[in-house]
Structures are given as C-alpha cells and as structure tokens.
Amino acid sequence: MHTPSVFNRSPRQAETKMTCKTCHGSLRVIRSCREVFMFCDKCGGRFPLGEYTEFFDQIEEFMNNVPCDRI
C-alpha cells in the first residue's frame, strides 16, 4: 500500500551538534507521537528537553519542520 506523501515530508528525528551530558556522545532530537526528547546513540540515554534548555533555539528549528498529525 502506498503511503500518502503528506506523511513523508520530513523526518521525525535529526542529528544534532549537541553532546550527551553523561558520556559526551552525539545526541538526536526525536519527536514521537506524544513527546520530544533527546537520545544518545553512544550510551542509549533518553533525556527530556528540559535538561538541554541552552539548545532550545536549535531544537525549535528542527520542530518547525516536523509535521504534526495529531491534536
């Protein structure tokens, strides 16, 4: 079955230039259906955005390009 292109406009995660506060690995910002969080590829840590407030401008730029398909 073909998925409508409206759902494939942009990724729901992005690599960042931010580093994990635990292990200094690279972080990804991920938007799930109900939340946005940071994920470390190196240690597997999952962190709420509140722990990375100094990077909100970068995170907001990513979020502006992610479609919202739920209310």
PDB file of N, CA and C in Angstrom:
ATOM      1  N   MET A   1       0.849  -1.181   0.000  1.00  0.00           N
ATOM      2  CA  MET A   1       0.000   0.000   0.000  1.00  0.00           C
ATOM      3  C   MET A   1       0.891   1.239   0.000  1.00  0.00           C
ATOM      4  N   HIS A   2       0.538   2.208  -0.798  1.00  0.00           N
ATOM      5  CA  HIS A   2       1.322   3.441  -0.907  1.00  0.00           C
ATOM      6  C   HIS A   2       0.948   4.408   0.211  1.00  0.00           C
ATOM      7  N   THR A   3       1.959   4.920   0.912  1.00  0.00           N
ATOM      8  CA  THR A   3       1.730   5.905   1.973  1.00  0.00           C
ATOM      9  C   THR A   3       1.633   7.284   1.343  1.00  0.00           C
ATOM     10  N   PRO A   4       0.581   8.055   1.656  1.00  0.00           N
ATOM     11  CA  PRO A   4       0.462   9.402   1.097  1.00  0.00           C
ATOM     12  C   PRO A   4       1.685  10.246   1.436  1.00  0.00           C
ATOM     13  N   SER A   5       2.088  11.077   0.482  1.00  0.00           N
ATOM     14  CA  SER A   5       3.298  11.873   0.669  1.00  0.00           C
ATOM     15  C   SER A   5       3.188  12.864   1.814  1.00  0.00           C
ATOM     16  N   VAL A   6       2.000  13.218   2.223  1.00  0.00           N
ATOM     17  CA  VAL A   6       1.840  14.168   3.321  1.00  0.00           C
ATOM     18  C   VAL A   6       2.509  13.661   4.601  1.00  0.00           C
ATOM     19  N   PHE A   7       2.640  12.357   4.753  1.00  0.00           N
ATOM     20  CA  PHE A   7       3.248  11.790   5.950  1.00  0.00           C
ATOM     21  C   PHE A   7       4.757  11.601   5.808  1.00  0.00           C
ATOM     22  N   ASN A   8       5.299  11.847   4.642  1.00  0.00           N
ATOM     23  CA  ASN A   8       6.722  11.642   4.409  1.00  0.00           C
ATOM     24  C   ASN A   8       7.474  12.943   4.142  1.00  0.00           C
ATOM     25  N   ARG A   9       6.929  14.072   4.532  1.00  0.00           N
ATOM     26  CA  ARG A   9       7.534  15.361   4.228  1.00  0.00           C
ATOM     27  C   ARG A   9       8.864  15.579   4.924  1.00  0.00           C
ATOM     28  N   SER A  10       8.989  15.181   6.148  1.00  0.00           N
ATOM     29  CA  SER A  10      10.228  15.423   6.878  1.00  0.00           C
ATOM     30  C   SER A  10      10.420  14.347   7.935  1.00  0.00           C
ATOM     31  N   PRO A  11      11.658  14.175   8.361  1.00  0.00           N
ATOM     32  CA  PRO A  11      11.933  13.149   9.369  1.00  0.00           C
ATOM     33  C   PRO A  11      11.405  13.545  10.747  1.00  0.00           C
ATOM     34  N   ARG A  12      11.193  12.574  11.597  1.00  0.00           N
ATOM     35  CA  ARG A  12      10.749  12.827  12.966  1.00  0.00           C
ATOM     36  C   ARG A  12      11.921  12.806  13.935  1.00  0.00           C
ATOM     37  N   GLN A  13      13.134  12.778  13.407  1.00  0.00           N
ATOM     38  CA  GLN A  13      14.322  12.856  14.244  1.00  0.00           C
ATOM     39  C   GLN A  13      15.443  13.499  13.442  1.00  0.00           C
ATOM     40  N   ALA A  14      16.402  14.040  14.152  1.00  0.00           N
ATOM     41  CA  ALA A  14      17.521  14.700  13.484  1.00  0.00           C
ATOM     42  C   ALA A  14      18.770  14.603  14.340  1.00  0.00           C
ATOM     43  N   GLU A  15      19.896  14.469  13.658  1.00  0.00           N
ATOM     44  CA  GLU A  15      21.184  14.525  14.345  1.00  0.00           C
ATOM     45  C   GLU A  15      21.398  15.963  14.806  1.00  0.00           C
ATOM     46  N   THR A  16      22.100  16.129  15.896  1.00  0.00           N
ATOM     47  CA  THR A  16      22.396  17.471  16.395  1.00  0.00           C
ATOM     48  C   THR A  16      23.895  17.609  16.618  1.00  0.00           C
ATOM     49  N   LYS A  17      24.321  18.804  16.917  1.00  0.00           N
ATOM     50  CA  LYS A  17      25.719  19.040  17.272  1.00  0.00           C
ATOM     51  C   LYS A  17      25.873  19.078  18.783  1.00  0.00           C
ATOM     52  N   MET A  18      24.815  18.697  19.488  1.00  0.00           N
ATOM     53  CA  MET A  18      24.833  18.668  20.947  1.00  0.00           C
ATOM     54  C   MET A  18      25.471  17.365  21.419  1.00  0.00           C
ATOM     55  N   THR A  19      26.048  17.401  22.610  1.00  0.00           N
ATOM     56  CA  THR A  19      26.643  16.191  23.174  1.00  0.00           C
ATOM     57  C   THR A  19      25.933  15.802  24.463  1.00  0.00           C
ATOM     58  N   CYS A  20      25.925  14.522  24.713  1.00  0.00           N
ATOM     59  CA  CYS A  20      25.314  13.950  25.910  1.00  0.00           C
ATOM     60  C   CYS A  20      26.063  14.438  27.151  1.00  0.00           C
ATOM     61  N   LYS A  21      25.322  14.840  28.159  1.00  0.00           N
ATOM     62  CA  LYS A  21      25.941  15.306  29.403  1.00  0.00           C
ATOM     63  C   LYS A  21      26.500  14.145  30.227  1.00  0.00           C
ATOM     64  N   THR A  22      26.117  12.923  29.897  1.00  0.00           N
ATOM     65  CA  THR A  22      26.588  11.745  30.620  1.00  0.00           C
ATOM     66  C   THR A  22      27.877  11.178  30.025  1.00  0.00           C
ATOM     67  N   CYS A  23      27.886  10.970  28.693  1.00  0.00           N
ATOM     68  CA  CYS A  23      29.033  10.298  28.067  1.00  0.00           C
ATOM     69  C   CYS A  23      29.679  11.096  26.937  1.00  0.00           C
ATOM     70  N   HIS A  24      29.134  12.236  26.618  1.00  0.00           N
ATOM     71  CA  HIS A  24      29.629  13.116  25.551  1.00  0.00           C
ATOM     72  C   HIS A  24      29.446  12.539  24.153  1.00  0.00           C
ATOM     73  N   GLY A  25      28.538  11.566  24.016  1.00  0.00           N
ATOM     74  CA  GLY A  25      28.201  11.040  22.690  1.00  0.00           C
ATOM     75  C   GLY A  25      27.309  12.031  21.954  1.00  0.00           C
ATOM     76  N   SER A  26      27.060  11.782  20.676  1.00  0.00           N
ATOM     77  CA  SER A  26      26.211  12.691  19.905  1.00  0.00           C
ATOM     78  C   SER A  26      24.739  12.420  20.206  1.00  0.00           C
ATOM     79  N   LEU A  27      23.953  13.493  20.216  1.00  0.00           N
ATOM     80  CA  LEU A  27      22.530  13.395  20.531  1.00  0.00           C
ATOM     81  C   LEU A  27      21.681  13.550  19.281  1.00  0.00           C
ATOM     82  N   ARG A  28      20.530  12.902  19.318  1.00  0.00           N
ATOM     83  CA  ARG A  28      19.495  13.096  18.307  1.00  0.00           C
ATOM     84  C   ARG A  28      18.284  13.664  19.015  1.00  0.00           C
ATOM     85  N   VAL A  29      17.580  14.563  18.348  1.00  0.00           N
ATOM     86  CA  VAL A  29      16.304  15.035  18.873  1.00  0.00           C
ATOM     87  C   VAL A  29      15.242  14.204  18.153  1.00  0.00           C
ATOM     88  N   ILE A  30      14.317  13.635  18.933  1.00  0.00           N
ATOM     89  CA  ILE A  30      13.304  12.734  18.385  1.00  0.00           C
ATOM     90  C   ILE A  30      11.926  13.220  18.801  1.00  0.00           C
ATOM     91  N   ARG A  31      11.021  13.269  17.838  1.00  0.00           N
ATOM     92  CA  ARG A  31       9.631  13.620  18.127  1.00  0.00           C
ATOM     93  C   ARG A  31       8.802  12.362  17.962  1.00  0.00           C
ATOM     94  N   SER A  32       8.215  11.903  19.065  1.00  0.00           N
ATOM     95  CA  SER A  32       7.298  10.772  18.997  1.00  0.00           C
ATOM     96  C   SER A  32       5.881  11.343  18.919  1.00  0.00           C
ATOM     97  N   CYS A  33       4.893  10.501  19.001  1.00  0.00           N
ATOM     98  CA  CYS A  33       3.513  10.982  18.926  1.00  0.00           C
ATOM     99  C   CYS A  33       3.156  11.914  20.078  1.00  0.00           C
ATOM    100  N   ARG A  34       3.730  11.690  21.238  1.00  0.00           N
ATOM    101  CA  ARG A  34       3.318  12.444  22.423  1.00  0.00           C
ATOM    102  C   ARG A  34       4.388  13.310  23.049  1.00  0.00           C
ATOM    103  N   GLU A  35       5.633  13.172  22.630  1.00  0.00           N
ATOM    104  CA  GLU A  35       6.691  13.942  23.277  1.00  0.00           C
ATOM    105  C   GLU A  35       7.885  14.139  22.356  1.00  0.00           C
ATOM    106  N   VAL A  36       8.732  15.053  22.768  1.00  0.00           N
ATOM    107  CA  VAL A  36      10.007  15.287  22.097  1.00  0.00           C
ATOM    108  C   VAL A  36      11.085  15.022  23.136  1.00  0.00           C
ATOM    109  N   PHE A  37      12.118  14.306  22.765  1.00  0.00           N
ATOM    110  CA  PHE A  37      13.180  14.011  23.719  1.00  0.00           C
ATOM    111  C   PHE A  37      14.515  13.927  22.991  1.00  0.00           C
ATOM    112  N   MET A  38      15.578  13.903  23.769  1.00  0.00           N
ATOM    113  CA  MET A  38      16.929  13.755  23.254  1.00  0.00           C
ATOM    114  C   MET A  38      17.353  12.307  23.485  1.00  0.00           C
ATOM    115  N   PHE A  39      18.049  11.727  22.518  1.00  0.00           N
ATOM    116  CA  PHE A  39      18.517  10.350  22.626  1.00  0.00           C
ATOM    117  C   PHE A  39      20.004  10.302  22.293  1.00  0.00           C
ATOM    118  N   CYS A  40      20.781   9.623  23.128  1.00  0.00           N
ATOM    119  CA  CYS A  40      22.223   9.480  22.910  1.00  0.00           C
ATOM    120  C   CYS A  40      22.501   8.150  22.222  1.00  0.00           C
ATOM    121  N   ASP A  41      23.155   8.218  21.067  1.00  0.00           N
ATOM    122  CA  ASP A  41      23.498   6.996  20.332  1.00  0.00           C
ATOM    123  C   ASP A  41      24.581   6.181  21.033  1.00  0.00           C
ATOM    124  N   LYS A  42      25.417   6.825  21.817  1.00  0.00           N
ATOM    125  CA  LYS A  42      26.542   6.134  22.459  1.00  0.00           C
ATOM    126  C   LYS A  42      26.113   5.357  23.708  1.00  0.00           C
ATOM    127  N   CYS A  43      25.452   6.030  24.664  1.00  0.00           N
ATOM    128  CA  CYS A  43      25.090   5.356  25.920  1.00  0.00           C
ATOM    129  C   CYS A  43      23.633   4.894  25.958  1.00  0.00           C
ATOM    130  N   GLY A  44      22.835   5.292  24.961  1.00  0.00           N
ATOM    131  CA  GLY A  44      21.435   4.893  24.922  1.00  0.00           C
ATOM    132  C   GLY A  44      20.551   5.700  25.853  1.00  0.00           C
ATOM    133  N   GLY A  45      21.098   6.766  26.426  1.00  0.00           N
ATOM    134  CA  GLY A  45      20.320   7.610  27.331  1.00  0.00           C
ATOM    135  C   GLY A  45      19.208   8.349  26.612  1.00  0.00           C
ATOM    136  N   ARG A  46      18.127   8.543  27.325  1.00  0.00           N
ATOM    137  CA  ARG A  46      16.972   9.271  26.801  1.00  0.00           C
ATOM    138  C   ARG A  46      16.700  10.398  27.781  1.00  0.00           C
ATOM    139  N   PHE A  47      16.710  11.638  27.292  1.00  0.00           N
ATOM    140  CA  PHE A  47      16.642  12.790  28.168  1.00  0.00           C
ATOM    141  C   PHE A  47      15.513  13.732  27.766  1.00  0.00           C
ATOM    142  N   PRO A  48      14.815  14.293  28.749  1.00  0.00           N
ATOM    143  CA  PRO A  48      13.787  15.291  28.435  1.00  0.00           C
ATOM    144  C   PRO A  48      14.452  16.574  27.939  1.00  0.00           C
ATOM    145  N   LEU A  49      13.722  17.350  27.159  1.00  0.00           N
ATOM    146  CA  LEU A  49      14.269  18.598  26.627  1.00  0.00           C
ATOM    147  C   LEU A  49      14.695  19.557  27.722  1.00  0.00           C
ATOM    148  N   GLY A  50      14.055  19.488  28.872  1.00  0.00           N
ATOM    149  CA  GLY A  50      14.372  20.385  29.975  1.00  0.00           C
ATOM    150  C   GLY A  50      15.819  20.318  30.421  1.00  0.00           C
ATOM    151  N   GLU A  51      16.491  19.212  30.134  1.00  0.00           N
ATOM    152  CA  GLU A  51      17.898  19.073  30.505  1.00  0.00           C
ATOM    153  C   GLU A  51      18.828  19.752  29.503  1.00  0.00           C
ATOM    154  N   TYR A  52      18.268  20.229  28.401  1.00  0.00           N
ATOM    155  CA  TYR A  52      19.079  20.862  27.353  1.00  0.00           C
ATOM    156  C   TYR A  52      18.487  22.210  26.945  1.00  0.00           C
ATOM    157  N   THR A  53      18.062  22.982  27.924  1.00  0.00           N
ATOM    158  CA  THR A  53      17.412  24.270  27.640  1.00  0.00           C
ATOM    159  C   THR A  53      18.312  25.237  26.883  1.00  0.00           C
ATOM    160  N   GLU A  54      19.614  25.121  27.057  1.00  0.00           N
ATOM    161  CA  GLU A  54      20.523  26.033  26.362  1.00  0.00           C
ATOM    162  C   GLU A  54      20.505  25.827  24.843  1.00  0.00           C
ATOM    163  N   PHE A  55      19.897  24.733  24.375  1.00  0.00           N
ATOM    164  CA  PHE A  55      19.839  24.431  22.943  1.00  0.00           C
ATOM    165  C   PHE A  55      18.430  24.565  22.362  1.00  0.00           C
ATOM    166  N   PHE A  56      17.508  25.200  23.081  1.00  0.00           N
ATOM    167  CA  PHE A  56      16.126  25.290  22.620  1.00  0.00           C
ATOM    168  C   PHE A  56      15.995  25.920  21.237  1.00  0.00           C
ATOM    169  N   ASP A  57      16.829  26.891  20.893  1.00  0.00           N
ATOM    170  CA  ASP A  57      16.736  27.514  19.571  1.00  0.00           C
ATOM    171  C   ASP A  57      16.989  26.490  18.467  1.00  0.00           C
ATOM    172  N   GLN A  58      17.982  25.641  18.639  1.00  0.00           N
ATOM    173  CA  GLN A  58      18.281  24.606  17.649  1.00  0.00           C
ATOM    174  C   GLN A  58      17.165  23.565  17.582  1.00  0.00           C
ATOM    175  N   ILE A  59      16.646  23.183  18.735  1.00  0.00           N
ATOM    176  CA  ILE A  59      15.572  22.191  18.783  1.00  0.00           C
ATOM    177  C   ILE A  59      14.314  22.757  18.141  1.00  0.00           C
ATOM    178  N   GLU A  60      14.014  24.022  18.406  1.00  0.00           N
ATOM    179  CA  GLU A  60      12.827  24.654  17.832  1.00  0.00           C
ATOM    180  C   GLU A  60      12.918  24.708  16.311  1.00  0.00           C
ATOM    181  N   GLU A  61      14.093  24.966  15.777  1.00  0.00           N
ATOM    182  CA  GLU A  61      14.282  24.993  14.327  1.00  0.00           C
ATOM    183  C   GLU A  61      13.927  23.639  13.718  1.00  0.00           C
ATOM    184  N   PHE A  62      14.358  22.548  14.349  1.00  0.00           N
ATOM    185  CA  PHE A  62      14.017  21.207  13.884  1.00  0.00           C
ATOM    186  C   PHE A  62      12.511  20.970  13.983  1.00  0.00           C
ATOM    187  N   MET A  63      11.917  21.335  15.124  1.00  0.00           N
ATOM    188  CA  MET A  63      10.496  21.077  15.351  1.00  0.00           C
ATOM    189  C   MET A  63       9.598  21.833  14.375  1.00  0.00           C
ATOM    190  N   ASN A  64      10.024  22.986  13.915  1.00  0.00           N
ATOM    191  CA  ASN A  64       9.236  23.746  12.942  1.00  0.00           C
ATOM    192  C   ASN A  64       9.076  22.996  11.634  1.00  0.00           C
ATOM    193  N   ASN A  65       9.944  22.049  11.347  1.00  0.00           N
ATOM    194  CA  ASN A  65       9.899  21.297  10.097  1.00  0.00           C
ATOM    195  C   ASN A  65       9.287  19.911  10.240  1.00  0.00           C
ATOM    196  N   VAL A  66       8.803  19.568  11.424  1.00  0.00           N
ATOM    197  CA  VAL A  66       8.194  18.262  11.648  1.00  0.00           C
ATOM    198  C   VAL A  66       6.678  18.408  11.591  1.00  0.00           C
ATOM    199  N   PRO A  67       6.015  17.638  10.718  1.00  0.00           N
ATOM    200  CA  PRO A  67       4.559  17.739  10.639  1.00  0.00           C
ATOM    201  C   PRO A  67       3.895  17.221  11.910  1.00  0.00           C
ATOM    202  N   CYS A  68       2.819  17.840  12.275  1.00  0.00           N
ATOM    203  CA  CYS A  68       2.044  17.413  13.441  1.00  0.00           C
ATOM    204  C   CYS A  68       0.763  16.785  12.925  1.00  0.00           C
ATOM    205  N   ASP A  69       0.599  15.491  13.096  1.00  0.00           N
ATOM    206  CA  ASP A  69      -0.564  14.798  12.567  1.00  0.00           C
ATOM    207  C   ASP A  69      -1.553  14.387  13.645  1.00  0.00           C
ATOM    208  N   ARG A  70      -1.352  14.877  14.858  1.00  0.00           N
ATOM    209  CA  ARG A  70      -2.284  14.585  15.953  1.00  0.00           C
ATOM    210  C   ARG A  70      -2.582  15.864  16.708  1.00  0.00           C
ATOM    211  N   ILE A  71      -3.740  15.893  17.283  1.00  0.00           N
ATOM    212  CA  ILE A  71      -4.132  17.066  18.085  1.00  0.00           C
ATOM    213  C   ILE A  71      -4.029  16.732  19.542  1.00  0.00           C
TER     214      ILE A  71
END
